[in-house]
Amino acid sequence: MTELEAFTTPPAPDLQVTALTATKSADKFVYAATVSNTGNDAAGASTTQLKLDGVQICALSTAGLTAGGSTTVSCTGKPRSGTHTLVATADSANVVAESNEANNTRTTTFAR
């Protein structure tokens, strides 16, 4: 008789930035990041970091998320004229043990 073992992936959250925008509002820009938990377990609270041209501009408290849940965090800034790169990183301090730690960042470019 052969004994078979069933292997399943243990439940774990997976935080990702699924949307990132820089929207002009009067003389400023609103930077918004949607953080989603695409894993199969709840994620605790974390911090989402936004960098503009390599410099941190926001460290935003991000509430815990159920599996499949998402939330949008935002801040404002007034960049100089020119083309800019905005980078958002979910769980930037790596406090949430995730199934995939390599997919937490999203990048977009915009011009002022």
C-alpha atoms as a PDB file:
ATOM      1  CA  MET A   1       0.000   0.000   0.000  1.00  0.00           C
ATOM      2  CA  THR A   2       1.332   3.416  -0.953  1.00  0.00           C
ATOM      3  CA  GLU A   3       0.855   6.343   1.378  1.00  0.00           C
ATOM      4  CA  LEU A   4       0.282   9.714  -0.256  1.00  0.00           C
ATOM      5  CA  GLU A   5       0.899  13.010   1.430  1.00  0.00           C
ATOM      6  CA  ALA A   6      -1.038  16.066   0.465  1.00  0.00           C
ATOM      7  CA  PHE A   7       0.955  19.273   0.367  1.00  0.00           C
ATOM      8  CA  THR A   8      -0.868  22.534   0.555  1.00  0.00           C
ATOM      9  CA  THR A   9       0.423  26.046   0.637  1.00  0.00           C
ATOM     10  CA  PRO A  10       0.102  27.435   4.156  1.00  0.00           C
ATOM     11  CA  PRO A  11      -2.155  30.469   4.459  1.00  0.00           C
ATOM     12  CA  ALA A  12      -0.262  33.726   4.054  1.00  0.00           C
ATOM     13  CA  PRO A  13      -1.022  37.305   3.023  1.00  0.00           C
ATOM     14  CA  ASP A  14       0.520  38.882  -0.079  1.00  0.00           C
ATOM     15  CA  LEU A  15       0.559  42.688  -0.131  1.00  0.00           C
ATOM     16  CA  GLN A  16       0.888  44.429  -3.483  1.00  0.00           C
ATOM     17  CA  VAL A  17       0.500  47.976  -4.749  1.00  0.00           C
ATOM     18  CA  THR A  18      -2.130  47.362  -7.417  1.00  0.00           C
ATOM     19  CA  ALA A  19      -2.622  51.000  -8.474  1.00  0.00           C
ATOM     20  CA  LEU A  20      -0.467  54.133  -8.215  1.00  0.00           C
ATOM     21  CA  THR A  21      -1.412  57.612  -9.387  1.00  0.00           C
ATOM     22  CA  ALA A  22      -0.139  61.186  -9.274  1.00  0.00           C
ATOM     23  CA  THR A  23      -3.079  63.526  -9.906  1.00  0.00           C
ATOM     24  CA  LYS A  24      -2.750  67.290 -10.262  1.00  0.00           C
ATOM     25  CA  SER A  25      -4.955  69.193  -7.813  1.00  0.00           C
ATOM     26  CA  ALA A  26      -4.619  72.990  -7.985  1.00  0.00           C
ATOM     27  CA  ASP A  27      -0.885  73.714  -7.528  1.00  0.00           C
ATOM     28  CA  LYS A  28      -0.116  70.334  -5.879  1.00  0.00           C
ATOM     29  CA  PHE A  29      -0.245  66.650  -6.728  1.00  0.00           C
ATOM     30  CA  VAL A  30      -2.128  63.941  -4.854  1.00  0.00           C
ATOM     31  CA  TYR A  31      -0.147  60.699  -4.740  1.00  0.00           C
ATOM     32  CA  ALA A  32      -2.390  57.666  -4.171  1.00  0.00           C
ATOM     33  CA  ALA A  33      -1.464  54.005  -3.794  1.00  0.00           C
ATOM     34  CA  THR A  34      -3.958  51.151  -3.662  1.00  0.00           C
ATOM     35  CA  VAL A  35      -2.626  48.329  -1.508  1.00  0.00           C
ATOM     36  CA  SER A  36      -4.240  44.925  -2.019  1.00  0.00           C
ATOM     37  CA  ASN A  37      -3.897  41.657  -0.157  1.00  0.00           C
ATOM     38  CA  THR A  38      -3.890  39.038  -2.908  1.00  0.00           C
ATOM     39  CA  GLY A  39      -2.930  36.279  -0.478  1.00  0.00           C
ATOM     40  CA  ASN A  40      -5.131  33.712   1.235  1.00  0.00           C
ATOM     41  CA  ASP A  41      -4.798  35.005   4.808  1.00  0.00           C
ATOM     42  CA  ALA A  42      -5.274  38.337   6.588  1.00  0.00           C
ATOM     43  CA  ALA A  43      -2.412  40.849   6.728  1.00  0.00           C
ATOM     44  CA  GLY A  44      -1.679  42.940   9.795  1.00  0.00           C
ATOM     45  CA  ALA A  45      -1.167  46.690   9.719  1.00  0.00           C
ATOM     46  CA  SER A  46       1.893  47.937   7.849  1.00  0.00           C
ATOM     47  CA  THR A  47       3.474  51.033   6.318  1.00  0.00           C
ATOM     48  CA  THR A  48       3.319  52.018   2.657  1.00  0.00           C
ATOM     49  CA  GLN A  49       6.265  54.120   1.519  1.00  0.00           C
ATOM     50  CA  LEU A  50       6.107  56.591  -1.367  1.00  0.00           C
ATOM     51  CA  LYS A  51       9.299  57.884  -2.969  1.00  0.00           C
ATOM     52  CA  LEU A  52       9.561  60.649  -5.541  1.00  0.00           C
ATOM     53  CA  ASP A  53      12.727  60.524  -7.620  1.00  0.00           C
ATOM     54  CA  GLY A  54      14.336  58.241  -5.018  1.00  0.00           C
ATOM     55  CA  VAL A  55      13.505  60.395  -1.985  1.00  0.00           C
ATOM     56  CA  GLN A  56      10.872  59.311   0.551  1.00  0.00           C
ATOM     57  CA  ILE A  57       7.964  61.743   0.583  1.00  0.00           C
ATOM     58  CA  CYS A  58       5.440  59.745   2.631  1.00  0.00           C
ATOM     59  CA  ALA A  59       5.351  56.826   5.059  1.00  0.00           C
ATOM     60  CA  LEU A  60       1.662  56.013   5.333  1.00  0.00           C
ATOM     61  CA  SER A  61       0.037  53.828   7.977  1.00  0.00           C
ATOM     62  CA  THR A  62      -1.863  51.097   6.180  1.00  0.00           C
ATOM     63  CA  ALA A  63      -4.615  49.230   8.006  1.00  0.00           C
ATOM     64  CA  GLY A  64      -4.681  45.457   8.212  1.00  0.00           C
ATOM     65  CA  LEU A  65      -6.376  43.796   5.247  1.00  0.00           C
ATOM     66  CA  THR A  66      -8.450  40.652   4.965  1.00  0.00           C
ATOM     67  CA  ALA A  67      -7.570  38.193   2.199  1.00  0.00           C
ATOM     68  CA  GLY A  68      -8.811  39.804  -1.025  1.00  0.00           C
ATOM     69  CA  GLY A  69      -9.169  43.216   0.619  1.00  0.00           C
ATOM     70  CA  SER A  70      -7.667  46.525  -0.446  1.00  0.00           C
ATOM     71  CA  THR A  71      -7.313  50.111   0.713  1.00  0.00           C
ATOM     72  CA  THR A  72      -6.040  53.358  -0.786  1.00  0.00           C
ATOM     73  CA  VAL A  73      -3.577  55.602   1.036  1.00  0.00           C
ATOM     74  CA  SER A  74      -2.512  59.041  -0.151  1.00  0.00           C
ATOM     75  CA  CYS A  75      -0.513  62.180   0.514  1.00  0.00           C
ATOM     76  CA  THR A  76       0.142  65.440  -1.332  1.00  0.00           C
ATOM     77  CA  GLY A  77       3.240  67.162  -2.604  1.00  0.00           C
ATOM     78  CA  LYS A  78       4.451  69.924  -4.865  1.00  0.00           C
ATOM     79  CA  PRO A  79       7.151  68.573  -7.188  1.00  0.00           C
ATOM     80  CA  ARG A  80       9.404  70.790  -9.276  1.00  0.00           C
ATOM     81  CA  SER A  81       8.715  71.110 -12.982  1.00  0.00           C
ATOM     82  CA  GLY A  82       9.834  68.178 -15.091  1.00  0.00           C
ATOM     83  CA  THR A  83       9.331  64.432 -15.358  1.00  0.00           C
ATOM     84  CA  HIS A  84       9.221  62.451 -12.121  1.00  0.00           C
ATOM     85  CA  THR A  85       9.274  58.818 -10.994  1.00  0.00           C
ATOM     86  CA  LEU A  86       6.906  57.838  -8.190  1.00  0.00           C
ATOM     87  CA  VAL A  87       7.498  54.514  -6.418  1.00  0.00           C
ATOM     88  CA  ALA A  88       5.178  52.947  -3.830  1.00  0.00           C
ATOM     89  CA  THR A  89       6.200  50.017  -1.627  1.00  0.00           C
ATOM     90  CA  ALA A  90       3.641  48.097   0.418  1.00  0.00           C
ATOM     91  CA  ASP A  91       4.877  46.815   3.787  1.00  0.00           C
ATOM     92  CA  SER A  92       8.074  48.837   3.381  1.00  0.00           C
ATOM     93  CA  ALA A  93       9.366  47.811   6.839  1.00  0.00           C
ATOM     94  CA  ASN A  94       8.700  44.092   6.126  1.00  0.00           C
ATOM     95  CA  VAL A  95       6.574  43.597   9.243  1.00  0.00           C
ATOM     96  CA  VAL A  96       4.083  41.292   7.485  1.00  0.00           C
ATOM     97  CA  ALA A  97       5.279  37.757   6.672  1.00  0.00           C
ATOM     98  CA  GLU A  98       4.038  37.302   3.101  1.00  0.00           C
ATOM     99  CA  SER A  99       3.881  34.458   0.607  1.00  0.00           C
ATOM    100  CA  ASN A 100       5.772  36.671  -1.870  1.00  0.00           C
ATOM    101  CA  GLU A 101       7.997  39.467  -0.575  1.00  0.00           C
ATOM    102  CA  ALA A 102       9.254  40.399  -4.056  1.00  0.00           C
ATOM    103  CA  ASN A 103       6.084  41.965  -5.490  1.00  0.00           C
ATOM    104  CA  ASN A 104       5.427  44.857  -3.091  1.00  0.00           C
ATOM    105  CA  THR A 105       6.523  47.738  -5.345  1.00  0.00           C
ATOM    106  CA  ARG A 106       4.865  49.660  -8.183  1.00  0.00           C
ATOM    107  CA  THR A 107       6.315  52.548 -10.223  1.00  0.00           C
ATOM    108  CA  THR A 108       4.789  55.262 -12.385  1.00  0.00           C
ATOM    109  CA  THR A 109       6.127  58.367 -14.097  1.00  0.00           C
ATOM    110  CA  PHE A 110       4.417  61.730 -14.508  1.00  0.00           C
ATOM    111  CA  ALA A 111       5.227  65.249 -15.638  1.00  0.00           C
ATOM    112  CA  ARG A 112       4.554  68.560 -13.979  1.00  0.00           C
END
